[in-house]
Amino acid sequence: AGVRLTGDPVPYVFAAVRNAAVDQMRRQNGAARRLESVSIYNGLPTDP
């Protein structure tokens, strides 16, 4: 798109990613939307 970002570009980029993710969901079958849930956490401790 060649958009010229003025000011803080972070919100604009986050909005673009959010919109792309919403587009991904729209393309996905509605019935399968929440079939797979994944963790958004990085890692777990090593002690058992």
ModelCIF file with pLDDT and N, C-alpha, C, O atoms, coordinates in Angstrom:
data_MODEL
#
_entry.id   MODEL 
#
_entity.id                         1 
_entity.type                       polymer 
_entity.pdbx_number_of_molecules   1 
#
_entity_poly.entity_id                      1 
_entity_poly.type                           'polypeptide(L)' 
_entity_poly.nstd_linkage                   no 
_entity_poly.nstd_monomer                   no 
_entity_poly.pdbx_seq_one_letter_code       AGVRLTGDPVPYVFAAVRNAAVDQMRRQNGAARRLESVSIYNGLPTDP 
_entity_poly.pdbx_seq_one_letter_code_can   AGVRLTGDPVPYVFAAVRNAAVDQMRRQNGAARRLESVSIYNGLPTDP 
_entity_poly.pdbx_strand_id                 A 
#
loop_
_entity_poly_seq.entity_id 
_entity_poly_seq.num 
_entity_poly_seq.mon_id 
_entity_poly_seq.hetero 
1 1  ALA n 
1 2  GLY n 
1 3  VAL n 
1 4  ARG n 
1 5  LEU n 
1 6  THR n 
1 7  GLY n 
1 8  ASP n 
1 9  PRO n 
1 10 VAL n 
1 11 PRO n 
1 12 TYR n 
1 13 VAL n 
1 14 PHE n 
1 15 ALA n 
1 16 ALA n 
1 17 VAL n 
1 18 ARG n 
1 19 ASN n 
1 20 ALA n 
1 21 ALA n 
1 22 VAL n 
1 23 ASP n 
1 24 GLN n 
1 25 MET n 
1 26 ARG n 
1 27 ARG n 
1 28 GLN n 
1 29 ASN n 
1 30 GLY n 
1 31 ALA n 
1 32 ALA n 
1 33 ARG n 
1 34 ARG n 
1 35 LEU n 
1 36 GLU n 
1 37 SER n 
1 38 VAL n 
1 39 SER n 
1 40 ILE n 
1 41 TYR n 
1 42 ASN n 
1 43 GLY n 
1 44 LEU n 
1 45 PRO n 
1 46 THR n 
1 47 ASP n 
1 48 PRO n 
#
_struct_asym.id          A 
_struct_asym.entity_id   1 
#
loop_
_ma_qa_metric.id 
_ma_qa_metric.mode 
_ma_qa_metric.name 
_ma_qa_metric.software_group_id 
_ma_qa_metric.type 
1 global pLDDT . pLDDT 
2 local  pLDDT . pLDDT 
#
_ma_qa_metric_global.metric_id      1 
_ma_qa_metric_global.metric_value   69.38 
_ma_qa_metric_global.model_id       1 
_ma_qa_metric_global.ordinal_id     1 
#
loop_
_ma_qa_metric_local.label_asym_id 
_ma_qa_metric_local.label_comp_id 
_ma_qa_metric_local.label_seq_id 
_ma_qa_metric_local.metric_id 
_ma_qa_metric_local.metric_value 
_ma_qa_metric_local.model_id 
_ma_qa_metric_local.ordinal_id 
A ALA 1  2 81.00 1 1  
A GLY 2  2 72.00 1 2  
A VAL 3  2 70.00 1 3  
A ARG 4  2 75.00 1 4  
A LEU 5  2 70.00 1 5  
A THR 6  2 75.00 1 6  
A GLY 7  2 81.00 1 7  
A ASP 8  2 85.00 1 8  
A PRO 9  2 87.00 1 9  
A VAL 10 2 90.00 1 10 
A PRO 11 2 90.00 1 11 
A TYR 12 2 89.00 1 12 
A VAL 13 2 90.00 1 13 
A PHE 14 2 91.00 1 14 
A ALA 15 2 91.00 1 15 
A ALA 16 2 91.00 1 16 
A VAL 17 2 92.00 1 17 
A ARG 18 2 92.00 1 18 
A ASN 19 2 90.00 1 19 
A ALA 20 2 92.00 1 20 
A ALA 21 2 91.00 1 21 
A VAL 22 2 89.00 1 22 
A ASP 23 2 87.00 1 23 
A GLN 24 2 83.00 1 24 
A MET 25 2 85.00 1 25 
A ARG 26 2 83.00 1 26 
A ARG 27 2 79.00 1 27 
A GLN 28 2 73.00 1 28 
A ASN 29 2 58.00 1 29 
A GLY 30 2 52.00 1 30 
A ALA 31 2 41.00 1 31 
A ALA 32 2 49.00 1 32 
A ARG 33 2 46.00 1 33 
A ARG 34 2 48.00 1 34 
A LEU 35 2 44.00 1 35 
A GLU 36 2 45.00 1 36 
A SER 37 2 46.00 1 37 
A VAL 38 2 47.00 1 38 
A SER 39 2 47.00 1 39 
A ILE 40 2 50.00 1 40 
A TYR 41 2 47.00 1 41 
A ASN 42 2 45.00 1 42 
A GLY 43 2 48.00 1 43 
A LEU 44 2 45.00 1 44 
A PRO 45 2 45.00 1 45 
A THR 46 2 48.00 1 46 
A ASP 47 2 55.00 1 47 
A PRO 48 2 60.00 1 48 
#
loop_
_atom_site.group_PDB 
_atom_site.id 
_atom_site.type_symbol 
_atom_site.label_atom_id 
_atom_site.label_alt_id 
_atom_site.label_comp_id 
_atom_site.label_asym_id 
_atom_site.label_entity_id 
_atom_site.label_seq_id 
_atom_site.pdbx_PDB_ins_code 
_atom_site.Cartn_x 
_atom_site.Cartn_y 
_atom_site.Cartn_z 
_atom_site.occupancy 
_atom_site.B_iso_or_equiv 
_atom_site.pdbx_formal_charge 
_atom_site.auth_seq_id 
_atom_site.auth_comp_id 
_atom_site.auth_asym_id 
_atom_site.auth_atom_id 
_atom_site.pdbx_PDB_model_num 
ATOM 1   N N  . ALA A 1 1  ? 0.828   -1.210  0.000  1.00 81.00 ? 1  ALA A N  1 
ATOM 2   C CA . ALA A 1 1  ? 0.000   0.000   0.000  1.00 81.00 ? 1  ALA A CA 1 
ATOM 3   C C  . ALA A 1 1  ? 0.860   1.258   0.000  1.00 81.00 ? 1  ALA A C  1 
ATOM 4   O O  . ALA A 1 1  ? 0.416   2.321   -0.434 1.00 81.00 ? 1  ALA A O  1 
ATOM 5   N N  . GLY A 1 2  ? 2.084   1.133   0.486  1.00 72.00 ? 2  GLY A N  1 
ATOM 6   C CA . GLY A 1 2  ? 2.978   2.283   0.500  1.00 72.00 ? 2  GLY A CA 1 
ATOM 7   C C  . GLY A 1 2  ? 2.481   3.424   1.363  1.00 72.00 ? 2  GLY A C  1 
ATOM 8   O O  . GLY A 1 2  ? 2.739   4.592   1.075  1.00 72.00 ? 2  GLY A O  1 
ATOM 9   N N  . VAL A 1 3  ? 1.760   3.078   2.434  1.00 70.00 ? 3  VAL A N  1 
ATOM 10  C CA . VAL A 1 3  ? 1.215   4.100   3.329  1.00 70.00 ? 3  VAL A CA 1 
ATOM 11  C C  . VAL A 1 3  ? 2.356   4.812   4.040  1.00 70.00 ? 3  VAL A C  1 
ATOM 12  O O  . VAL A 1 3  ? 3.314   4.181   4.486  1.00 70.00 ? 3  VAL A O  1 
ATOM 13  N N  . ARG A 1 4  ? 2.245   6.117   4.139  1.00 75.00 ? 4  ARG A N  1 
ATOM 14  C CA . ARG A 1 4  ? 3.231   6.880   4.893  1.00 75.00 ? 4  ARG A CA 1 
ATOM 15  C C  . ARG A 1 4  ? 2.731   6.993   6.319  1.00 75.00 ? 4  ARG A C  1 
ATOM 16  O O  . ARG A 1 4  ? 1.696   7.603   6.587  1.00 75.00 ? 4  ARG A O  1 
ATOM 17  N N  . LEU A 1 5  ? 3.482   6.397   7.225  1.00 70.00 ? 5  LEU A N  1 
ATOM 18  C CA . LEU A 1 5  ? 3.098   6.390   8.630  1.00 70.00 ? 5  LEU A CA 1 
ATOM 19  C C  . LEU A 1 5  ? 3.653   7.626   9.314  1.00 70.00 ? 5  LEU A C  1 
ATOM 20  O O  . LEU A 1 5  ? 4.861   7.865   9.311  1.00 70.00 ? 5  LEU A O  1 
ATOM 21  N N  . THR A 1 6  ? 2.755   8.409   9.902  1.00 75.00 ? 6  THR A N  1 
ATOM 22  C CA . THR A 1 6  ? 3.178   9.588   10.651 1.00 75.00 ? 6  THR A CA 1 
ATOM 23  C C  . THR A 1 6  ? 2.820   9.364   12.112 1.00 75.00 ? 6  THR A C  1 
ATOM 24  O O  . THR A 1 6  ? 1.859   8.660   12.424 1.00 75.00 ? 6  THR A O  1 
ATOM 25  N N  . GLY A 1 7  ? 3.577   9.951   12.979 1.00 81.00 ? 7  GLY A N  1 
ATOM 26  C CA . GLY A 1 7  ? 3.329   9.758   14.403 1.00 81.00 ? 7  GLY A CA 1 
ATOM 27  C C  . GLY A 1 7  ? 3.751   8.356   14.821 1.00 81.00 ? 7  GLY A C  1 
ATOM 28  O O  . GLY A 1 7  ? 4.667   7.773   14.242 1.00 81.00 ? 7  GLY A O  1 
ATOM 29  N N  . ASP A 1 8  ? 3.079   7.826   15.822 1.00 85.00 ? 8  ASP A N  1 
ATOM 30  C CA . ASP A 1 8  ? 3.389   6.491   16.339 1.00 85.00 ? 8  ASP A CA 1 
ATOM 31  C C  . ASP A 1 8  ? 2.824   5.439   15.394 1.00 85.00 ? 8  ASP A C  1 
ATOM 32  O O  . ASP A 1 8  ? 1.604   5.343   15.262 1.00 85.00 ? 8  ASP A O  1 
ATOM 33  N N  . PRO A 1 9  ? 3.664   4.646   14.731 1.00 87.00 ? 9  PRO A N  1 
ATOM 34  C CA . PRO A 1 9  ? 3.178   3.650   13.780 1.00 87.00 ? 9  PRO A CA 1 
ATOM 35  C C  . PRO A 1 9  ? 2.632   2.384   14.446 1.00 87.00 ? 9  PRO A C  1 
ATOM 36  O O  . PRO A 1 9  ? 1.955   1.591   13.792 1.00 87.00 ? 9  PRO A O  1 
ATOM 37  N N  . VAL A 1 10 ? 2.917   2.186   15.734 1.00 90.00 ? 10 VAL A N  1 
ATOM 38  C CA . VAL A 1 10 ? 2.550   0.941   16.413 1.00 90.00 ? 10 VAL A CA 1 
ATOM 39  C C  . VAL A 1 10 ? 1.046   0.677   16.370 1.00 90.00 ? 10 VAL A C  1 
ATOM 40  O O  . VAL A 1 10 ? 0.649   -0.422  15.983 1.00 90.00 ? 10 VAL A O  1 
ATOM 41  N N  . PRO A 1 11 ? 0.188   1.629   16.748 1.00 90.00 ? 11 PRO A N  1 
ATOM 42  C CA . PRO A 1 11 ? -1.249  1.341   16.684 1.00 90.00 ? 11 PRO A CA 1 
ATOM 43  C C  . PRO A 1 11 ? -1.728  1.002   15.273 1.00 90.00 ? 11 PRO A C  1 
ATOM 44  O O  . PRO A 1 11 ? -2.589  0.141   15.095 1.00 90.00 ? 11 PRO A O  1 
ATOM 45  N N  . TYR A 1 12 ? -1.172  1.674   14.280 1.00 89.00 ? 12 TYR A N  1 
ATOM 46  C CA . TYR A 1 12 ? -1.565  1.425   12.895 1.00 89.00 ? 12 TYR A CA 1 
ATOM 47  C C  . TYR A 1 12 ? -1.216  0.000   12.480 1.00 89.00 ? 12 TYR A C  1 
ATOM 48  O O  . TYR A 1 12 ? -2.014  -0.670  11.824 1.00 89.00 ? 12 TYR A O  1 
ATOM 49  N N  . VAL A 1 13 ? -0.029  -0.462  12.857 1.00 90.00 ? 13 VAL A N  1 
ATOM 50  C CA . VAL A 1 13 ? 0.405   -1.817  12.512 1.00 90.00 ? 13 VAL A CA 1 
ATOM 51  C C  . VAL A 1 13 ? -0.431  -2.848  13.281 1.00 90.00 ? 13 VAL A C  1 
ATOM 52  O O  . VAL A 1 13 ? -0.834  -3.863  12.712 1.00 90.00 ? 13 VAL A O  1 
ATOM 53  N N  . PHE A 1 14 ? -0.692  -2.596  14.564 1.00 91.00 ? 14 PHE A N  1 
ATOM 54  C CA . PHE A 1 14 ? -1.537  -3.513  15.326 1.00 91.00 ? 14 PHE A CA 1 
ATOM 55  C C  . PHE A 1 14 ? -2.936  -3.585  14.720 1.00 91.00 ? 14 PHE A C  1 
ATOM 56  O O  . PHE A 1 14 ? -3.530  -4.662  14.658 1.00 91.00 ? 14 PHE A O  1 
ATOM 57  N N  . ALA A 1 15 ? -3.462  -2.455  14.276 1.00 91.00 ? 15 ALA A N  1 
ATOM 58  C CA . ALA A 1 15 ? -4.775  -2.457  13.628 1.00 91.00 ? 15 ALA A CA 1 
ATOM 59  C C  . ALA A 1 15 ? -4.737  -3.288  12.350 1.00 91.00 ? 15 ALA A C  1 
ATOM 60  O O  . ALA A 1 15 ? -5.676  -4.029  12.061 1.00 91.00 ? 15 ALA A O  1 
ATOM 61  N N  . ALA A 1 16 ? -3.667  -3.168  11.596 1.00 91.00 ? 16 ALA A N  1 
ATOM 62  C CA . ALA A 1 16 ? -3.534  -3.947  10.356 1.00 91.00 ? 16 ALA A CA 1 
ATOM 63  C C  . ALA A 1 16 ? -3.488  -5.440  10.657 1.00 91.00 ? 16 ALA A C  1 
ATOM 64  O O  . ALA A 1 16 ? -4.124  -6.230  9.959  1.00 91.00 ? 16 ALA A O  1 
ATOM 65  N N  . VAL A 1 17 ? -2.747  -5.835  11.682 1.00 92.00 ? 17 VAL A N  1 
ATOM 66  C CA . VAL A 1 17 ? -2.673  -7.251  12.054 1.00 92.00 ? 17 VAL A CA 1 
ATOM 67  C C  . VAL A 1 17 ? -4.020  -7.732  12.571 1.00 92.00 ? 17 VAL A C  1 
ATOM 68  O O  . VAL A 1 17 ? -4.457  -8.832  12.231 1.00 92.00 ? 17 VAL A O  1 
ATOM 69  N N  . ARG A 1 18 ? -4.676  -6.927  13.381 1.00 92.00 ? 18 ARG A N  1 
ATOM 70  C CA . ARG A 1 18 ? -6.004  -7.299  13.884 1.00 92.00 ? 18 ARG A CA 1 
ATOM 71  C C  . ARG A 1 18 ? -6.968  -7.504  12.712 1.00 92.00 ? 18 ARG A C  1 
ATOM 72  O O  . ARG A 1 18 ? -7.700  -8.494  12.676 1.00 92.00 ? 18 ARG A O  1 
ATOM 73  N N  . ASN A 1 19 ? -6.971  -6.585  11.767 1.00 90.00 ? 19 ASN A N  1 
ATOM 74  C CA . ASN A 1 19 ? -7.858  -6.704  10.606 1.00 90.00 ? 19 ASN A CA 1 
ATOM 75  C C  . ASN A 1 19 ? -7.536  -7.944  9.781  1.00 90.00 ? 19 ASN A C  1 
ATOM 76  O O  . ASN A 1 19 ? -8.443  -8.628  9.306  1.00 90.00 ? 19 ASN A O  1 
ATOM 77  N N  . ALA A 1 20 ? -6.254  -8.233  9.611  1.00 92.00 ? 20 ALA A N  1 
ATOM 78  C CA . ALA A 1 20 ? -5.864  -9.436  8.857  1.00 92.00 ? 20 ALA A CA 1 
ATOM 79  C C  . ALA A 1 20 ? -6.312  -10.699 9.590  1.00 92.00 ? 20 ALA A C  1 
ATOM 80  O O  . ALA A 1 20 ? -6.736  -11.666 8.957  1.00 92.00 ? 20 ALA A O  1 
ATOM 81  N N  . ALA A 1 21 ? -6.221  -10.694 10.917 1.00 91.00 ? 21 ALA A N  1 
ATOM 82  C CA . ALA A 1 21 ? -6.666  -11.856 11.693 1.00 91.00 ? 21 ALA A CA 1 
ATOM 83  C C  . ALA A 1 21 ? -8.176  -12.018 11.607 1.00 91.00 ? 21 ALA A C  1 
ATOM 84  O O  . ALA A 1 21 ? -8.674  -13.139 11.499 1.00 91.00 ? 21 ALA A O  1 
ATOM 85  N N  . VAL A 1 22 ? -8.900  -10.925 11.654 1.00 89.00 ? 22 VAL A N  1 
ATOM 86  C CA . VAL A 1 22 ? -10.356 -10.982 11.506 1.00 89.00 ? 22 VAL A CA 1 
ATOM 87  C C  . VAL A 1 22 ? -10.708 -11.499 10.115 1.00 89.00 ? 22 VAL A C  1 
ATOM 88  O O  . VAL A 1 22 ? -11.641 -12.289 9.966  1.00 89.00 ? 22 VAL A O  1 
ATOM 89  N N  . ASP A 1 23 ? -9.974  -11.063 9.104  1.00 87.00 ? 23 ASP A N  1 
ATOM 90  C CA . ASP A 1 23 ? -10.189 -11.578 7.749  1.00 87.00 ? 23 ASP A CA 1 
ATOM 91  C C  . ASP A 1 23 ? -9.952  -13.085 7.703  1.00 87.00 ? 23 ASP A C  1 
ATOM 92  O O  . ASP A 1 23 ? -10.701 -13.810 7.048  1.00 87.00 ? 23 ASP A O  1 
ATOM 93  N N  . GLN A 1 24 ? -8.918  -13.560 8.391  1.00 83.00 ? 24 GLN A N  1 
ATOM 94  C CA . GLN A 1 24 ? -8.659  -15.003 8.463  1.00 83.00 ? 24 GLN A CA 1 
ATOM 95  C C  . GLN A 1 24 ? -9.879  -15.726 9.048  1.00 83.00 ? 24 GLN A C  1 
ATOM 96  O O  . GLN A 1 24 ? -10.281 -16.777 8.550  1.00 83.00 ? 24 GLN A O  1 
ATOM 97  N N  . MET A 1 25 ? -10.455 -15.163 10.091 1.00 85.00 ? 25 MET A N  1 
ATOM 98  C CA . MET A 1 25 ? -11.622 -15.784 10.734 1.00 85.00 ? 25 MET A CA 1 
ATOM 99  C C  . MET A 1 25 ? -12.841 -15.779 9.804  1.00 85.00 ? 25 MET A C  1 
ATOM 100 O O  . MET A 1 25 ? -13.619 -16.733 9.790  1.00 85.00 ? 25 MET A O  1 
ATOM 101 N N  . ARG A 1 26 ? -12.998 -14.728 9.048  1.00 83.00 ? 26 ARG A N  1 
ATOM 102 C CA . ARG A 1 26 ? -14.131 -14.658 8.117  1.00 83.00 ? 26 ARG A CA 1 
ATOM 103 C C  . ARG A 1 26 ? -14.020 -15.717 7.040  1.00 83.00 ? 26 ARG A C  1 
ATOM 104 O O  . ARG A 1 26 ? -15.023 -16.263 6.581  1.00 83.00 ? 26 ARG A O  1 
ATOM 105 N N  . ARG A 1 27 ? -12.789 -16.002 6.640  1.00 79.00 ? 27 ARG A N  1 
ATOM 106 C CA . ARG A 1 27 ? -12.579 -17.025 5.622  1.00 79.00 ? 27 ARG A CA 1 
ATOM 107 C C  . ARG A 1 27 ? -12.758 -18.436 6.178  1.00 79.00 ? 27 ARG A C  1 
ATOM 108 O O  . ARG A 1 27 ? -12.983 -19.390 5.434  1.00 79.00 ? 27 ARG A O  1 
ATOM 109 N N  . GLN A 1 28 ? -12.656 -18.543 7.472  1.00 73.00 ? 28 GLN A N  1 
ATOM 110 C CA . GLN A 1 28 ? -12.779 -19.855 8.125  1.00 73.00 ? 28 GLN A CA 1 
ATOM 111 C C  . GLN A 1 28 ? -14.258 -20.213 8.291  1.00 73.00 ? 28 GLN A C  1 
ATOM 112 O O  . GLN A 1 28 ? -15.105 -19.341 8.485  1.00 73.00 ? 28 GLN A O  1 
ATOM 113 N N  . ASN A 1 29 ? -14.541 -21.478 8.213  1.00 58.00 ? 29 ASN A N  1 
ATOM 114 C CA . ASN A 1 29 ? -15.912 -21.962 8.420  1.00 58.00 ? 29 ASN A CA 1 
ATOM 115 C C  . ASN A 1 29 ? -16.370 -21.575 9.821  1.00 58.00 ? 29 ASN A C  1 
ATOM 116 O O  . ASN A 1 29 ? -15.650 -21.828 10.787 1.00 58.00 ? 29 ASN A O  1 
ATOM 117 N N  . GLY A 1 30 ? -17.542 -20.973 9.957  1.00 52.00 ? 30 GLY A N  1 
ATOM 118 C CA . GLY A 1 30 ? -18.075 -20.535 11.240 1.00 52.00 ? 30 GLY A CA 1 
ATOM 119 C C  . GLY A 1 30 ? -18.186 -21.636 12.263 1.00 52.00 ? 30 GLY A C  1 
ATOM 120 O O  . GLY A 1 30 ? -17.950 -21.391 13.446 1.00 52.00 ? 30 GLY A O  1 
ATOM 121 N N  . ALA A 1 31 ? -18.531 -22.826 11.861 1.00 41.00 ? 31 ALA A N  1 
ATOM 122 C CA . ALA A 1 31 ? -18.695 -23.931 12.803 1.00 41.00 ? 31 ALA A CA 1 
ATOM 123 C C  . ALA A 1 31 ? -17.366 -24.380 13.379 1.00 41.00 ? 31 ALA A C  1 
ATOM 124 O O  . ALA A 1 31 ? -17.322 -24.928 14.481 1.00 41.00 ? 31 ALA A O  1 
ATOM 125 N N  . ALA A 1 32 ? -16.286 -24.156 12.650 1.00 49.00 ? 32 ALA A N  1 
ATOM 126 C CA . ALA A 1 32 ? -14.982 -24.635 13.102 1.00 49.00 ? 32 ALA A CA 1 
ATOM 127 C C  . ALA A 1 32 ? -14.194 -23.557 13.844 1.00 49.00 ? 32 ALA A C  1 
ATOM 128 O O  . ALA A 1 32 ? -13.045 -23.789 14.219 1.00 49.00 ? 32 ALA A O  1 
ATOM 129 N N  . ARG A 1 33 ? -14.774 -22.413 14.058 1.00 46.00 ? 33 ARG A N  1 
ATOM 130 C CA . ARG A 1 33 ? -14.046 -21.285 14.619 1.00 46.00 ? 33 ARG A CA 1 
ATOM 131 C C  . ARG A 1 33 ? -13.337 -21.574 15.922 1.00 46.00 ? 33 ARG A C  1 
ATOM 132 O O  . ARG A 1 33 ? -12.179 -21.194 16.089 1.00 46.00 ? 33 ARG A O  1 
ATOM 133 N N  . ARG A 1 34 ? -13.997 -22.231 16.840 1.00 48.00 ? 34 ARG A N  1 
ATOM 134 C CA . ARG A 1 34 ? -13.390 -22.405 18.156 1.00 48.00 ? 34 ARG A CA 1 
ATOM 135 C C  . ARG A 1 34 ? -13.026 -23.860 18.453 1.00 48.00 ? 34 ARG A C  1 
ATOM 136 O O  . ARG A 1 34 ? -12.928 -24.253 19.615 1.00 48.00 ? 34 ARG A O  1 
ATOM 137 N N  . LEU A 1 35 ? -12.829 -24.648 17.414 1.00 44.00 ? 35 LEU A N  1 
ATOM 138 C CA . LEU A 1 35 ? -12.481 -26.042 17.632 1.00 44.00 ? 35 LEU A CA 1 
ATOM 139 C C  . LEU A 1 35 ? -11.125 -26.206 18.299 1.00 44.00 ? 35 LEU A C  1 
ATOM 140 O O  . LEU A 1 35 ? -10.953 -27.072 19.156 1.00 44.00 ? 35 LEU A O  1 
ATOM 141 N N  . GLU A 1 36 ? -10.184 -25.397 17.918 1.00 45.00 ? 36 GLU A N  1 
ATOM 142 C CA . GLU A 1 36 ? -8.838  -25.539 18.445 1.00 45.00 ? 36 GLU A CA 1 
ATOM 143 C C  . GLU A 1 36 ? -8.482  -24.299 19.235 1.00 45.00 ? 36 GLU A C  1 
ATOM 144 O O  . GLU A 1 36 ? -8.531  -23.185 18.715 1.00 45.00 ? 36 GLU A O  1 
ATOM 145 N N  . SER A 1 37 ? -8.129  -24.490 20.468 1.00 46.00 ? 37 SER A N  1 
ATOM 146 C CA . SER A 1 37 ? -7.707  -23.393 21.313 1.00 46.00 ? 37 SER A CA 1 
ATOM 147 C C  . SER A 1 37 ? -6.247  -23.620 21.661 1.00 46.00 ? 37 SER A C  1 
ATOM 148 O O  . SER A 1 37 ? -5.866  -24.714 22.076 1.00 46.00 ? 37 SER A O  1 
ATOM 149 N N  . VAL A 1 38 ? -5.437  -22.596 21.495 1.00 47.00 ? 38 VAL A N  1 
ATOM 150 C CA . VAL A 1 38 ? -4.021  -22.741 21.776 1.00 47.00 ? 38 VAL A CA 1 
ATOM 151 C C  . VAL A 1 38 ? -3.603  -21.730 22.829 1.00 47.00 ? 38 VAL A C  1 
ATOM 152 O O  . VAL A 1 38 ? -4.251  -20.701 23.021 1.00 47.00 ? 38 VAL A O  1 
ATOM 153 N N  . SER A 1 39 ? -2.523  -22.040 23.496 1.00 47.00 ? 39 SER A N  1 
ATOM 154 C CA . SER A 1 39 ? -2.014  -21.160 24.535 1.00 47.00 ? 39 SER A CA 1 
ATOM 155 C C  . SER A 1 39 ? -1.291  -19.981 23.912 1.00 47.00 ? 39 SER A C  1 
ATOM 156 O O  . SER A 1 39 ? -0.594  -20.124 22.908 1.00 47.00 ? 39 SER A O  1 
ATOM 157 N N  . ILE A 1 40 ? -1.462  -18.823 24.515 1.00 50.00 ? 40 ILE A N  1 
ATOM 158 C CA . ILE A 1 40 ? -0.727  -17.650 24.061 1.00 50.00 ? 40 ILE A CA 1 
ATOM 159 C C  . ILE A 1 40 ? 0.438   -17.367 24.990 1.00 50.00 ? 40 ILE A C  1 
ATOM 160 O O  . ILE A 1 40 ? 1.014   -16.280 24.963 1.00 50.00 ? 40 ILE A O  1 
ATOM 161 N N  . TYR A 1 41 ? 0.786   -18.354 25.817 1.00 47.00 ? 41 TYR A N  1 
ATOM 162 C CA . TYR A 1 41 ? 1.883   -18.206 26.763 1.00 47.00 ? 41 TYR A CA 1 
ATOM 163 C C  . TYR A 1 41 ? 3.159   -18.752 26.156 1.00 47.00 ? 41 TYR A C  1 
ATOM 164 O O  . TYR A 1 41 ? 3.133   -19.680 25.347 1.00 47.00 ? 41 TYR A O  1 
ATOM 165 N N  . ASN A 1 42 ? 4.273   -18.167 26.553 1.00 45.00 ? 42 ASN A N  1 
ATOM 166 C CA . ASN A 1 42 ? 5.555   -18.565 25.977 1.00 45.00 ? 42 ASN A CA 1 
ATOM 167 C C  . ASN A 1 42 ? 6.055   -19.903 26.485 1.00 45.00 ? 42 ASN A C  1 
ATOM 168 O O  . ASN A 1 42 ? 6.175   -20.841 25.697 1.00 45.00 ? 42 ASN A O  1 
ATOM 169 N N  . GLY A 1 43 ? 6.346   -20.028 27.751 1.00 48.00 ? 43 GLY A N  1 
ATOM 170 C CA . GLY A 1 43 ? 6.954   -21.254 28.222 1.00 48.00 ? 43 GLY A CA 1 
ATOM 171 C C  . GLY A 1 43 ? 6.535   -21.588 29.628 1.00 48.00 ? 43 GLY A C  1 
ATOM 172 O O  . GLY A 1 43 ? 5.929   -20.770 30.320 1.00 48.00 ? 43 GLY A O  1 
ATOM 173 N N  . LEU A 1 44 ? 6.861   -22.795 30.053 1.00 45.00 ? 44 LEU A N  1 
ATOM 174 C CA . LEU A 1 44 ? 6.566   -23.271 31.384 1.00 45.00 ? 44 LEU A CA 1 
ATOM 175 C C  . LEU A 1 44 ? 7.882   -23.525 32.115 1.00 45.00 ? 44 LEU A C  1 
ATOM 176 O O  . LEU A 1 44 ? 8.918   -23.714 31.477 1.00 45.00 ? 44 LEU A O  1 
ATOM 177 N N  . PRO A 1 45 ? 7.848   -23.530 33.460 1.00 45.00 ? 45 PRO A N  1 
ATOM 178 C CA . PRO A 1 45 ? 9.074   -23.814 34.216 1.00 45.00 ? 45 PRO A CA 1 
ATOM 179 C C  . PRO A 1 45 ? 9.596   -25.211 33.923 1.00 45.00 ? 45 PRO A C  1 
ATOM 180 O O  . PRO A 1 45 ? 8.862   -26.067 33.429 1.00 45.00 ? 45 PRO A O  1 
ATOM 181 N N  . THR A 1 46 ? 10.869  -25.437 34.230 1.00 48.00 ? 46 THR A N  1 
ATOM 182 C CA . THR A 1 46 ? 11.462  -26.750 33.970 1.00 48.00 ? 46 THR A CA 1 
ATOM 183 C C  . THR A 1 46 ? 11.288  -27.709 35.142 1.00 48.00 ? 46 THR A C  1 
ATOM 184 O O  . THR A 1 46 ? 11.286  -28.922 34.931 1.00 48.00 ? 46 THR A O  1 
ATOM 185 N N  . ASP A 1 47 ? 11.142  -27.211 36.371 1.00 55.00 ? 47 ASP A N  1 
ATOM 186 C CA . ASP A 1 47 ? 10.921  -28.069 37.533 1.00 55.00 ? 47 ASP A CA 1 
ATOM 187 C C  . ASP A 1 47 ? 9.578   -28.778 37.371 1.00 55.00 ? 47 ASP A C  1 
ATOM 188 O O  . ASP A 1 47 ? 8.569   -28.109 37.149 1.00 55.00 ? 47 ASP A O  1 
ATOM 189 N N  . PRO A 1 48 ? 9.529   -30.132 37.477 1.00 60.00 ? 48 PRO A N  1 
ATOM 190 C CA . PRO A 1 48 ? 8.286   -30.868 37.229 1.00 60.00 ? 48 PRO A CA 1 
ATOM 191 C C  . PRO A 1 48 ? 7.107   -30.419 38.101 1.00 60.00 ? 48 PRO A C  1 
ATOM 192 O O  . PRO A 1 48 ? 6.009   -30.964 37.984 1.00 60.00 ? 48 PRO A O  1 
#
